[in-house]
Amino acid sequence: MSATDLIHRHLAAFNAADADALMADFDSDATWVTGDYEVPPGTLREFFATAMAGLTPHLQLRRIIDGGAVVAAELTETWTSSEQDKTAALIAVFDLDDQGLITRAKIYREGSADA
């Protein structure tokens, strides 16, 4: 599977709020950093499940830059927080291992990283 295919599958799982499918794209020791916040080890599934249930986020792909072991995706995220619809542009940078699993994700959101 190509890195581009991985990103498409990853985004589809995220948008479907399918935590199991989403976690299948991650190495067991993967890290996730949003703004200054790093998800504590072993809590990535809980992090996503909480976000998906509470904020109802949706990602729209703008473009992918495939660097092989490092892939960047330009996205637009929409979500609801405190009964208000919000939108932000973001860049997600994914480090991949030899099996094509995500070992690290760093999210750069336009504006605040806080929902």
PDB file of N, CA and C in Angstrom:
ATOM      1  N   MET A   1       0.843  -1.176   0.000  1.00  0.00           N
ATOM      2  CA  MET A   1       0.000   0.000   0.000  1.00  0.00           C
ATOM      3  C   MET A   1       0.892   1.244   0.000  1.00  0.00           C
ATOM      4  N   SER A   2       0.516   2.218  -0.792  1.00  0.00           N
ATOM      5  CA  SER A   2       1.288   3.454  -0.853  1.00  0.00           C
ATOM      6  C   SER A   2       0.954   4.345   0.341  1.00  0.00           C
ATOM      7  N   ALA A   3       1.824   5.307   0.593  1.00  0.00           N
ATOM      8  CA  ALA A   3       1.568   6.266   1.671  1.00  0.00           C
ATOM      9  C   ALA A   3       0.301   7.062   1.384  1.00  0.00           C
ATOM     10  N   THR A   4       0.054   7.373   0.131  1.00  0.00           N
ATOM     11  CA  THR A   4      -1.162   8.093  -0.249  1.00  0.00           C
ATOM     12  C   THR A   4      -2.400   7.268   0.078  1.00  0.00           C
ATOM     13  N   ASP A   5      -2.358   5.966  -0.210  1.00  0.00           N
ATOM     14  CA  ASP A   5      -3.476   5.077   0.129  1.00  0.00           C
ATOM     15  C   ASP A   5      -3.702   5.039   1.640  1.00  0.00           C
ATOM     16  N   LEU A   6      -2.614   4.993   2.398  1.00  0.00           N
ATOM     17  CA  LEU A   6      -2.708   4.981   3.857  1.00  0.00           C
ATOM     18  C   LEU A   6      -3.429   6.231   4.353  1.00  0.00           C
ATOM     19  N   ILE A   7      -3.065   7.384   3.841  1.00  0.00           N
ATOM     20  CA  ILE A   7      -3.682   8.635   4.290  1.00  0.00           C
ATOM     21  C   ILE A   7      -5.171   8.646   3.938  1.00  0.00           C
ATOM     22  N   HIS A   8      -5.513   8.216   2.750  1.00  0.00           N
ATOM     23  CA  HIS A   8      -6.929   8.153   2.374  1.00  0.00           C
ATOM     24  C   HIS A   8      -7.701   7.215   3.301  1.00  0.00           C
ATOM     25  N   ARG A   9      -7.142   6.046   3.602  1.00  0.00           N
ATOM     26  CA  ARG A   9      -7.799   5.091   4.499  1.00  0.00           C
ATOM     27  C   ARG A   9      -7.901   5.663   5.912  1.00  0.00           C
ATOM     28  N   HIS A  10      -6.844   6.306   6.365  1.00  0.00           N
ATOM     29  CA  HIS A  10      -6.802   6.909   7.697  1.00  0.00           C
ATOM     30  C   HIS A  10      -7.886   7.987   7.837  1.00  0.00           C
ATOM     31  N   LEU A  11      -8.006   8.843   6.845  1.00  0.00           N
ATOM     32  CA  LEU A  11      -9.010   9.912   6.890  1.00  0.00           C
ATOM     33  C   LEU A  11     -10.426   9.342   6.822  1.00  0.00           C
ATOM     34  N   ALA A  12     -10.626   8.311   6.025  1.00  0.00           N
ATOM     35  CA  ALA A  12     -11.948   7.681   5.939  1.00  0.00           C
ATOM     36  C   ALA A  12     -12.342   7.095   7.299  1.00  0.00           C
ATOM     37  N   ALA A  13     -11.401   6.451   7.978  1.00  0.00           N
ATOM     38  CA  ALA A  13     -11.678   5.885   9.303  1.00  0.00           C
ATOM     39  C   ALA A  13     -11.987   6.992  10.303  1.00  0.00           C
ATOM     40  N   PHE A  14     -11.219   8.072  10.248  1.00  0.00           N
ATOM     41  CA  PHE A  14     -11.443   9.211  11.145  1.00  0.00           C
ATOM     42  C   PHE A  14     -12.840   9.791  10.916  1.00  0.00           C
ATOM     43  N   ASN A  15     -13.177  10.038   9.662  1.00  0.00           N
ATOM     44  CA  ASN A  15     -14.474  10.643   9.339  1.00  0.00           C
ATOM     45  C   ASN A  15     -15.644   9.720   9.647  1.00  0.00           C
ATOM     46  N   ALA A  16     -15.409   8.422   9.650  1.00  0.00           N
ATOM     47  CA  ALA A  16     -16.447   7.455  10.004  1.00  0.00           C
ATOM     48  C   ALA A  16     -16.521   7.229  11.522  1.00  0.00           C
ATOM     49  N   ALA A  17     -15.641   7.896  12.266  1.00  0.00           N
ATOM     50  CA  ALA A  17     -15.550   7.726  13.721  1.00  0.00           C
ATOM     51  C   ALA A  17     -15.311   6.258  14.083  1.00  0.00           C
ATOM     52  N   ASP A  18     -14.493   5.592  13.275  1.00  0.00           N
ATOM     53  CA  ASP A  18     -14.174   4.175  13.471  1.00  0.00           C
ATOM     54  C   ASP A  18     -12.807   4.064  14.135  1.00  0.00           C
ATOM     55  N   ALA A  19     -12.799   4.070  15.458  1.00  0.00           N
ATOM     56  CA  ALA A  19     -11.541   4.062  16.212  1.00  0.00           C
ATOM     57  C   ALA A  19     -10.711   2.814  15.931  1.00  0.00           C
ATOM     58  N   ASP A  20     -11.361   1.664  15.739  1.00  0.00           N
ATOM     59  CA  ASP A  20     -10.617   0.430  15.457  1.00  0.00           C
ATOM     60  C   ASP A  20      -9.874   0.532  14.131  1.00  0.00           C
ATOM     61  N   ALA A  21     -10.558   0.992  13.085  1.00  0.00           N
ATOM     62  CA  ALA A  21      -9.916   1.145  11.773  1.00  0.00           C
ATOM     63  C   ALA A  21      -8.838   2.214  11.835  1.00  0.00           C
ATOM     64  N   LEU A  22      -9.083   3.271  12.568  1.00  0.00           N
ATOM     65  CA  LEU A  22      -8.104   4.341  12.709  1.00  0.00           C
ATOM     66  C   LEU A  22      -6.831   3.828  13.397  1.00  0.00           C
ATOM     67  N   MET A  23      -7.005   3.071  14.467  1.00  0.00           N
ATOM     68  CA  MET A  23      -5.855   2.562  15.216  1.00  0.00           C
ATOM     69  C   MET A  23      -5.062   1.537  14.425  1.00  0.00           C
ATOM     70  N   ALA A  24      -5.680   0.884  13.449  1.00  0.00           N
ATOM     71  CA  ALA A  24      -4.970  -0.097  12.627  1.00  0.00           C
ATOM     72  C   ALA A  24      -3.860   0.544  11.804  1.00  0.00           C
ATOM     73  N   ASP A  25      -3.906   1.856  11.626  1.00  0.00           N
ATOM     74  CA  ASP A  25      -2.885   2.570  10.860  1.00  0.00           C
ATOM     75  C   ASP A  25      -1.679   2.969  11.706  1.00  0.00           C
ATOM     76  N   PHE A  26      -1.756   2.765  13.020  1.00  0.00           N
ATOM     77  CA  PHE A  26      -0.693   3.210  13.923  1.00  0.00           C
ATOM     78  C   PHE A  26       0.169   2.052  14.417  1.00  0.00           C
ATOM     79  N   ASP A  27       1.451   2.300  14.517  1.00  0.00           N
ATOM     80  CA  ASP A  27       2.376   1.421  15.211  1.00  0.00           C
ATOM     81  C   ASP A  27       1.973   1.419  16.694  1.00  0.00           C
ATOM     82  N   SER A  28       2.232   0.351  17.397  1.00  0.00           N
ATOM     83  CA  SER A  28       1.808   0.248  18.806  1.00  0.00           C
ATOM     84  C   SER A  28       2.443   1.306  19.700  1.00  0.00           C
ATOM     85  N   ASP A  29       3.587   1.864  19.308  1.00  0.00           N
ATOM     86  CA  ASP A  29       4.264   2.888  20.109  1.00  0.00           C
ATOM     87  C   ASP A  29       4.126   4.287  19.504  1.00  0.00           C
ATOM     88  N   ALA A  30       3.137   4.473  18.645  1.00  0.00           N
ATOM     89  CA  ALA A  30       2.992   5.748  17.939  1.00  0.00           C
ATOM     90  C   ALA A  30       2.739   6.907  18.898  1.00  0.00           C
ATOM     91  N   THR A  31       3.234   8.079  18.492  1.00  0.00           N
ATOM     92  CA  THR A  31       2.972   9.306  19.239  1.00  0.00           C
ATOM     93  C   THR A  31       2.132  10.244  18.384  1.00  0.00           C
ATOM     94  N   TRP A  32       1.344  11.073  19.052  1.00  0.00           N
ATOM     95  CA  TRP A  32       0.455  12.047  18.397  1.00  0.00           C
ATOM     96  C   TRP A  32       0.620  13.369  19.130  1.00  0.00           C
ATOM     97  N   VAL A  33       0.976  14.403  18.385  1.00  0.00           N
ATOM     98  CA  VAL A  33       1.194  15.720  18.970  1.00  0.00           C
ATOM     99  C   VAL A  33       0.297  16.724  18.248  1.00  0.00           C
ATOM    100  N   THR A  34      -0.493  17.451  19.019  1.00  0.00           N
ATOM    101  CA  THR A  34      -1.334  18.518  18.499  1.00  0.00           C
ATOM    102  C   THR A  34      -0.978  19.781  19.264  1.00  0.00           C
ATOM    103  N   GLY A  35      -0.457  20.778  18.552  1.00  0.00           N
ATOM    104  CA  GLY A  35      -0.014  21.989  19.244  1.00  0.00           C
ATOM    105  C   GLY A  35       1.082  21.616  20.227  1.00  0.00           C
ATOM    106  N   ASP A  36       0.916  22.008  21.468  1.00  0.00           N
ATOM    107  CA  ASP A  36       1.887  21.683  22.513  1.00  0.00           C
ATOM    108  C   ASP A  36       1.505  20.424  23.290  1.00  0.00           C
ATOM    109  N   TYR A  37       0.402  19.788  22.896  1.00  0.00           N
ATOM    110  CA  TYR A  37      -0.093  18.628  23.633  1.00  0.00           C
ATOM    111  C   TYR A  37       0.330  17.335  22.963  1.00  0.00           C
ATOM    112  N   GLU A  38       0.966  16.457  23.722  1.00  0.00           N
ATOM    113  CA  GLU A  38       1.300  15.123  23.236  1.00  0.00           C
ATOM    114  C   GLU A  38       0.419  14.119  23.962  1.00  0.00           C
ATOM    115  N   VAL A  39      -0.247  13.283  23.195  1.00  0.00           N
ATOM    116  CA  VAL A  39      -1.117  12.260  23.780  1.00  0.00           C
ATOM    117  C   VAL A  39      -0.245  11.298  24.592  1.00  0.00           C
ATOM    118  N   PRO A  40      -0.585  11.063  25.850  1.00  0.00           N
ATOM    119  CA  PRO A  40       0.215  10.156  26.672  1.00  0.00           C
ATOM    120  C   PRO A  40       0.273   8.750  26.056  1.00  0.00           C
ATOM    121  N   PRO A  41       1.414   8.075  26.205  1.00  0.00           N
ATOM    122  CA  PRO A  41       1.553   6.715  25.659  1.00  0.00           C
ATOM    123  C   PRO A  41       0.434   5.799  26.138  1.00  0.00           C
ATOM    124  N   GLY A  42      -0.075   5.007  25.200  1.00  0.00           N
ATOM    125  CA  GLY A  42      -1.103   4.032  25.529  1.00  0.00           C
ATOM    126  C   GLY A  42      -2.519   4.593  25.586  1.00  0.00           C
ATOM    127  N   THR A  43      -2.708   5.880  25.284  1.00  0.00           N
ATOM    128  CA  THR A  43      -4.047   6.474  25.382  1.00  0.00           C
ATOM    129  C   THR A  43      -4.547   7.018  24.044  1.00  0.00           C
ATOM    130  N   LEU A  44      -3.911   6.635  22.961  1.00  0.00           N
ATOM    131  CA  LEU A  44      -4.281   7.167  21.648  1.00  0.00           C
ATOM    132  C   LEU A  44      -5.716   6.777  21.264  1.00  0.00           C
ATOM    133  N   ARG A  45      -6.105   5.538  21.493  1.00  0.00           N
ATOM    134  CA  ARG A  45      -7.472   5.098  21.162  1.00  0.00           C
ATOM    135  C   ARG A  45      -8.492   5.927  21.953  1.00  0.00           C
ATOM    136  N   GLU A  46      -8.258   6.090  23.242  1.00  0.00           N
ATOM    137  CA  GLU A  46      -9.163   6.870  24.089  1.00  0.00           C
ATOM    138  C   GLU A  46      -9.216   8.330  23.622  1.00  0.00           C
ATOM    139  N   PHE A  47      -8.074   8.884  23.252  1.00  0.00           N
ATOM    140  CA  PHE A  47      -8.001  10.257  22.752  1.00  0.00           C
ATOM    141  C   PHE A  47      -8.913  10.445  21.538  1.00  0.00           C
ATOM    142  N   PHE A  48      -8.802   9.532  20.571  1.00  0.00           N
ATOM    143  CA  PHE A  48      -9.624   9.628  19.368  1.00  0.00           C
ATOM    144  C   PHE A  48     -11.104   9.380  19.667  1.00  0.00           C
ATOM    145  N   ALA A  49     -11.404   8.376  20.464  1.00  0.00           N
ATOM    146  CA  ALA A  49     -12.799   8.063  20.773  1.00  0.00           C
ATOM    147  C   ALA A  49     -13.479   9.247  21.459  1.00  0.00           C
ATOM    148  N   THR A  50     -12.788   9.888  22.377  1.00  0.00           N
ATOM    149  CA  THR A  50     -13.340  11.047  23.074  1.00  0.00           C
ATOM    150  C   THR A  50     -13.562  12.207  22.109  1.00  0.00           C
ATOM    151  N   ALA A  51     -12.572  12.467  21.265  1.00  0.00           N
ATOM    152  CA  ALA A  51     -12.692  13.570  20.301  1.00  0.00           C
ATOM    153  C   ALA A  51     -13.831  13.324  19.319  1.00  0.00           C
ATOM    154  N   MET A  52     -13.930  12.105  18.834  1.00  0.00           N
ATOM    155  CA  MET A  52     -14.969  11.779  17.855  1.00  0.00           C
ATOM    156  C   MET A  52     -16.363  11.894  18.460  1.00  0.00           C
ATOM    157  N   ALA A  53     -16.509  11.506  19.715  1.00  0.00           N
ATOM    158  CA  ALA A  53     -17.822  11.543  20.364  1.00  0.00           C
ATOM    159  C   ALA A  53     -18.206  12.958  20.781  1.00  0.00           C
ATOM    160  N   GLY A  54     -17.234  13.707  21.275  1.00  0.00           N
ATOM    161  CA  GLY A  54     -17.552  15.018  21.832  1.00  0.00           C
ATOM    162  C   GLY A  54     -17.554  16.162  20.846  1.00  0.00           C
ATOM    163  N   LEU A  55     -16.727  16.069  19.813  1.00  0.00           N
ATOM    164  CA  LEU A  55     -16.569  17.202  18.899  1.00  0.00           C
ATOM    165  C   LEU A  55     -17.121  16.951  17.504  1.00  0.00           C
ATOM    166  N   THR A  56     -17.413  15.722  17.171  1.00  0.00           N
ATOM    167  CA  THR A  56     -17.860  15.318  15.829  1.00  0.00           C
ATOM    168  C   THR A  56     -17.011  15.946  14.724  1.00  0.00           C
ATOM    169  N   PRO A  57     -15.695  15.697  14.746  1.00  0.00           N
ATOM    170  CA  PRO A  57     -14.823  16.301  13.743  1.00  0.00           C
ATOM    171  C   PRO A  57     -14.942  15.610  12.382  1.00  0.00           C
ATOM    172  N   HIS A  58     -14.601  16.355  11.354  1.00  0.00           N
ATOM    173  CA  HIS A  58     -14.571  15.838   9.991  1.00  0.00           C
ATOM    174  C   HIS A  58     -13.384  16.465   9.280  1.00  0.00           C
ATOM    175  N   LEU A  59     -12.634  15.644   8.553  1.00  0.00           N
ATOM    176  CA  LEU A  59     -11.465  16.129   7.812  1.00  0.00           C
ATOM    177  C   LEU A  59     -11.723  16.051   6.314  1.00  0.00           C
ATOM    178  N   GLN A  60     -11.364  17.123   5.622  1.00  0.00           N
ATOM    179  CA  GLN A  60     -11.432  17.138   4.162  1.00  0.00           C
ATOM    180  C   GLN A  60     -10.022  17.317   3.627  1.00  0.00           C
ATOM    181  N   LEU A  61      -9.622  16.393   2.786  1.00  0.00           N
ATOM    182  CA  LEU A  61      -8.282  16.406   2.220  1.00  0.00           C
ATOM    183  C   LEU A  61      -8.162  17.474   1.137  1.00  0.00           C
ATOM    184  N   ARG A  62      -7.103  18.257   1.208  1.00  0.00           N
ATOM    185  CA  ARG A  62      -6.788  19.245   0.176  1.00  0.00           C
ATOM    186  C   ARG A  62      -5.697  18.710  -0.750  1.00  0.00           C
ATOM    187  N   ARG A  63      -4.633  18.162  -0.131  1.00  0.00           N
ATOM    188  CA  ARG A  63      -3.563  17.553  -0.918  1.00  0.00           C
ATOM    189  C   ARG A  63      -2.646  16.755  -0.011  1.00  0.00           C
ATOM    190  N   ILE A  64      -1.913  15.835  -0.645  1.00  0.00           N
ATOM    191  CA  ILE A  64      -0.934  15.001   0.044  1.00  0.00           C
ATOM    192  C   ILE A  64       0.428  15.249  -0.584  1.00  0.00           C
ATOM    193  N   ILE A  65       1.424  15.369   0.267  1.00  0.00           N
ATOM    194  CA  ILE A  65       2.808  15.454  -0.190  1.00  0.00           C
ATOM    195  C   ILE A  65       3.483  14.183   0.303  1.00  0.00           C
ATOM    196  N   ASP A  66       3.768  13.280  -0.630  1.00  0.00           N
ATOM    197  CA  ASP A  66       4.290  11.957  -0.305  1.00  0.00           C
ATOM    198  C   ASP A  66       5.805  11.970  -0.372  1.00  0.00           C
ATOM    199  N   GLY A  67       6.427  11.940   0.794  1.00  0.00           N
ATOM    200  CA  GLY A  67       7.873  11.902   0.878  1.00  0.00           C
ATOM    201  C   GLY A  67       8.392  10.523   1.229  1.00  0.00           C
ATOM    202  N   GLY A  68       7.569   9.499   1.023  1.00  0.00           N
ATOM    203  CA  GLY A  68       7.995   8.137   1.345  1.00  0.00           C
ATOM    204  C   GLY A  68       7.770   7.844   2.817  1.00  0.00           C
ATOM    205  N   ALA A  69       8.825   7.960   3.612  1.00  0.00           N
ATOM    206  CA  ALA A  69       8.728   7.673   5.045  1.00  0.00           C
ATOM    207  C   ALA A  69       8.116   8.823   5.834  1.00  0.00           C
ATOM    208  N   VAL A  70       7.969   9.981   5.202  1.00  0.00           N
ATOM    209  CA  VAL A  70       7.321  11.136   5.814  1.00  0.00           C
ATOM    210  C   VAL A  70       6.284  11.658   4.824  1.00  0.00           C
ATOM    211  N   VAL A  71       5.054  11.783   5.300  1.00  0.00           N
ATOM    212  CA  VAL A  71       3.954  12.213   4.438  1.00  0.00           C
ATOM    213  C   VAL A  71       3.259  13.391   5.109  1.00  0.00           C
ATOM    214  N   ALA A  72       2.956  14.416   4.316  1.00  0.00           N
ATOM    215  CA  ALA A  72       2.218  15.572   4.830  1.00  0.00           C
ATOM    216  C   ALA A  72       0.876  15.645   4.123  1.00  0.00           C
ATOM    217  N   ALA A  73      -0.138  16.009   4.873  1.00  0.00           N
ATOM    218  CA  ALA A  73      -1.477  16.178   4.309  1.00  0.00           C
ATOM    219  C   ALA A  73      -1.990  17.550   4.701  1.00  0.00           C
ATOM    220  N   GLU A  74      -2.435  18.292   3.689  1.00  0.00           N
ATOM    221  CA  GLU A  74      -3.096  19.568   3.938  1.00  0.00           C
ATOM    222  C   GLU A  74      -4.590  19.287   4.030  1.00  0.00           C
ATOM    223  N   LEU A  75      -5.206  19.720   5.127  1.00  0.00           N
ATOM    224  CA  LEU A  75      -6.595  19.356   5.428  1.00  0.00           C
ATOM    225  C   LEU A  75      -7.393  20.567   5.888  1.00  0.00           C
ATOM    226  N   THR A  76      -8.691  20.441   5.793  1.00  0.00           N
ATOM    227  CA  THR A  76      -9.605  21.359   6.457  1.00  0.00           C
ATOM    228  C   THR A  76     -10.406  20.529   7.444  1.00  0.00           C
ATOM    229  N   GLU A  77     -10.420  20.971   8.691  1.00  0.00           N
ATOM    230  CA  GLU A  77     -11.162  20.267   9.729  1.00  0.00           C
ATOM    231  C   GLU A  77     -12.376  21.095  10.120  1.00  0.00           C
ATOM    232  N   THR A  78     -13.505  20.434  10.245  1.00  0.00           N
ATOM    233  CA  THR A  78     -14.707  21.062  10.789  1.00  0.00           C
ATOM    234  C   THR A  78     -15.129  20.254  12.007  1.00  0.00           C
ATOM    235  N   TRP A  79     -15.670  20.930  13.006  1.00  0.00           N
ATOM    236  CA  TRP A  79     -16.125  20.266  14.214  1.00  0.00           C
ATOM    237  C   TRP A  79     -17.122  21.167  14.926  1.00  0.00           C
ATOM    238  N   THR A  80     -17.785  20.610  15.911  1.00  0.00           N
ATOM    239  CA  THR A  80     -18.731  21.364  16.723  1.00  0.00           C
ATOM    240  C   THR A  80     -18.230  21.361  18.157  1.00  0.00           C
ATOM    241  N   SER A  81     -18.172  22.546  18.738  1.00  0.00           N
ATOM    242  CA  SER A  81     -17.753  22.689  20.128  1.00  0.00           C
ATOM    243  C   SER A  81     -18.656  23.736  20.775  1.00  0.00           C
ATOM    244  N   SER A  82     -19.195  23.398  21.927  1.00  0.00           N
ATOM    245  CA  SER A  82     -20.118  24.300  22.625  1.00  0.00           C
ATOM    246  C   SER A  82     -21.231  24.761  21.704  1.00  0.00           C
ATOM    247  N   GLU A  83     -21.750  23.820  20.915  1.00  0.00           N
ATOM    248  CA  GLU A  83     -22.850  24.047  19.988  1.00  0.00           C
ATOM    249  C   GLU A  83     -22.523  25.065  18.890  1.00  0.00           C
ATOM    250  N   GLN A  84     -21.238  25.288  18.645  1.00  0.00           N
ATOM    251  CA  GLN A  84     -20.813  26.176  17.567  1.00  0.00           C
ATOM    252  C   GLN A  84     -20.008  25.380  16.552  1.00  0.00           C
ATOM    253  N   ASP A  85     -20.317  25.592  15.268  1.00  0.00           N
ATOM    254  CA  ASP A  85     -19.541  24.970  14.203  1.00  0.00           C
ATOM    255  C   ASP A  85     -18.245  25.740  14.022  1.00  0.00           C
ATOM    256  N   LYS A  86     -17.155  24.992  13.891  1.00  0.00           N
ATOM    257  CA  LYS A  86     -15.836  25.607  13.734  1.00  0.00           C
ATOM    258  C   LYS A  86     -15.117  24.976  12.550  1.00  0.00           C
ATOM    259  N   THR A  87     -14.198  25.726  11.968  1.00  0.00           N
ATOM    260  CA  THR A  87     -13.405  25.259  10.837  1.00  0.00           C
ATOM    261  C   THR A  87     -11.978  25.759  11.011  1.00  0.00           C
ATOM    262  N   ALA A  88     -11.025  24.909  10.648  1.00  0.00           N
ATOM    263  CA  ALA A  88      -9.617  25.310  10.686  1.00  0.00           C
ATOM    264  C   ALA A  88      -8.849  24.569   9.601  1.00  0.00           C
ATOM    265  N   ALA A  89      -7.880  25.253   9.042  1.00  0.00           N
ATOM    266  CA  ALA A  89      -6.945  24.605   8.128  1.00  0.00           C
ATOM    267  C   ALA A  89      -5.881  23.938   8.986  1.00  0.00           C
ATOM    268  N   LEU A  90      -5.407  22.783   8.530  1.00  0.00           N
ATOM    269  CA  LEU A  90      -4.324  22.140   9.268  1.00  0.00           C
ATOM    270  C   LEU A  90      -3.418  21.360   8.335  1.00  0.00           C
ATOM    271  N   ILE A  91      -2.228  21.124   8.835  1.00  0.00           N
ATOM    272  CA  ILE A  91      -1.251  20.267   8.178  1.00  0.00           C
ATOM    273  C   ILE A  91      -0.951  19.135   9.145  1.00  0.00           C
ATOM    274  N   ALA A  92      -1.013  17.915   8.653  1.00  0.00           N
ATOM    275  CA  ALA A  92      -0.653  16.741   9.441  1.00  0.00           C
ATOM    276  C   ALA A  92       0.587  16.130   8.808  1.00  0.00           C
ATOM    277  N   VAL A  93       1.614  15.923   9.620  1.00  0.00           N
ATOM    278  CA  VAL A  93       2.850  15.306   9.153  1.00  0.00           C
ATOM    279  C   VAL A  93       2.955  13.941   9.819  1.00  0.00           C
ATOM    280  N   PHE A  94       3.035  12.907   8.992  1.00  0.00           N
ATOM    281  CA  PHE A  94       3.066  11.528   9.467  1.00  0.00           C
ATOM    282  C   PHE A  94       4.420  10.900   9.170  1.00  0.00           C
ATOM    283  N   ASP A  95       5.046  10.321  10.194  1.00  0.00           N
ATOM    284  CA  ASP A  95       6.247   9.502  10.014  1.00  0.00           C
ATOM    285  C   ASP A  95       5.783   8.058   9.923  1.00  0.00           C
ATOM    286  N   LEU A  96       6.292   7.326   8.932  1.00  0.00           N
ATOM    287  CA  LEU A  96       5.882   5.941   8.713  1.00  0.00           C
ATOM    288  C   LEU A  96       7.043   4.986   8.919  1.00  0.00           C
ATOM    289  N   ASP A  97       6.737   3.792   9.414  1.00  0.00           N
ATOM    290  CA  ASP A  97       7.775   2.774   9.547  1.00  0.00           C
ATOM    291  C   ASP A  97       7.867   1.950   8.263  1.00  0.00           C
ATOM    292  N   ASP A  98       8.701   0.919   8.278  1.00  0.00           N
ATOM    293  CA  ASP A  98       8.916   0.091   7.083  1.00  0.00           C
ATOM    294  C   ASP A  98       7.668  -0.688   6.657  1.00  0.00           C
ATOM    295  N   GLN A  99       6.737  -0.896   7.581  1.00  0.00           N
ATOM    296  CA  GLN A  99       5.492  -1.594   7.258  1.00  0.00           C
ATOM    297  C   GLN A  99       4.391  -0.623   6.815  1.00  0.00           C
ATOM    298  N   GLY A 100       4.707   0.667   6.793  1.00  0.00           N
ATOM    299  CA  GLY A 100       3.728   1.661   6.379  1.00  0.00           C
ATOM    300  C   GLY A 100       2.786   2.090   7.486  1.00  0.00           C
ATOM    301  N   LEU A 101       3.138   1.826   8.742  1.00  0.00           N
ATOM    302  CA  LEU A 101       2.327   2.257   9.874  1.00  0.00           C
ATOM    303  C   LEU A 101       2.805   3.610  10.376  1.00  0.00           C
ATOM    304  N   ILE A 102       1.894   4.379  10.929  1.00  0.00           N
ATOM    305  CA  ILE A 102       2.236   5.695  11.467  1.00  0.00           C
ATOM    306  C   ILE A 102       2.944   5.512  12.799  1.00  0.00           C
ATOM    307  N   THR A 103       4.145   6.079  12.916  1.00  0.00           N
ATOM    308  CA  THR A 103       4.892   6.032  14.172  1.00  0.00           C
ATOM    309  C   THR A 103       4.802   7.352  14.925  1.00  0.00           C
ATOM    310  N   ARG A 104       4.543   8.423  14.189  1.00  0.00           N
ATOM    311  CA  ARG A 104       4.421   9.751  14.798  1.00  0.00           C
ATOM    312  C   ARG A 104       3.558  10.617  13.906  1.00  0.00           C
ATOM    313  N   ALA A 105       2.680  11.369  14.538  1.00  0.00           N
ATOM    314  CA  ALA A 105       1.879  12.355  13.817  1.00  0.00           C
ATOM    315  C   ALA A 105       2.010  13.680  14.542  1.00  0.00           C
ATOM    316  N   LYS A 106       2.258  14.732  13.795  1.00  0.00           N
ATOM    317  CA  LYS A 106       2.345  16.084  14.346  1.00  0.00           C
ATOM    318  C   LYS A 106       1.340  16.926  13.580  1.00  0.00           C
ATOM    319  N   ILE A 107       0.426  17.555  14.319  1.00  0.00           N
ATOM    320  CA  ILE A 107      -0.650  18.325  13.719  1.00  0.00           C
ATOM    321  C   ILE A 107      -0.395  19.815  13.943  1.00  0.00           C
ATOM    322  N   TYR A 108      -0.428  20.568  12.863  1.00  0.00           N
ATOM    323  CA  TYR A 108      -0.269  22.017  12.905  1.00  0.00           C
ATOM    324  C   TYR A 108      -1.603  22.630  12.486  1.00  0.00           C
ATOM    325  N   ARG A 109      -2.310  23.204  13.438  1.00  0.00           N
ATOM    326  CA  ARG A 109      -3.642  23.771  13.164  1.00  0.00           C
ATOM    327  C   ARG A 109      -3.540  25.294  13.102  1.00  0.00           C
ATOM    328  N   GLU A 110      -4.197  25.852  12.088  1.00  0.00           N
ATOM    329  CA  GLU A 110      -4.272  27.301  11.961  1.00  0.00           C
ATOM    330  C   GLU A 110      -5.054  27.829  13.152  1.00  0.00           C
ATOM    331  N   GLY A 111      -4.505  28.788  13.841  1.00  0.00           N
ATOM    332  CA  GLY A 111      -5.164  29.304  15.042  1.00  0.00           C
ATOM    333  C   GLY A 111      -4.824  28.434  16.231  1.00  0.00           C
ATOM    334  N   SER A 112      -5.737  28.271  17.146  1.00  0.00           N
ATOM    335  CA  SER A 112      -5.506  27.537  18.379  1.00  0.00           C
ATOM    336  C   SER A 112      -5.647  26.038  18.160  1.00  0.00           C
ATOM    337  N   ALA A 113      -4.845  25.259  18.870  1.00  0.00           N
ATOM    338  CA  ALA A 113      -4.963  23.797  18.841  1.00  0.00           C
ATOM    339  C   ALA A 113      -6.106  23.350  19.758  1.00  0.00           C
ATOM    340  N   ASP A 114      -6.639  24.279  20.524  1.00  0.00           N
ATOM    341  CA  ASP A 114      -7.737  23.934  21.432  1.00  0.00           C
ATOM    342  C   ASP A 114      -9.056  23.980  20.703  1.00  0.00           C
ATOM    343  N   ALA A 115      -9.890  22.991  20.934  1.00  0.00           N
ATOM    344  CA  ALA A 115     -11.225  22.978  20.334  1.00  0.00           C
ATOM    345  C   ALA A 115     -12.128  23.784  21.224  1.00  0.00           C
TER     346      ALA A 115
END
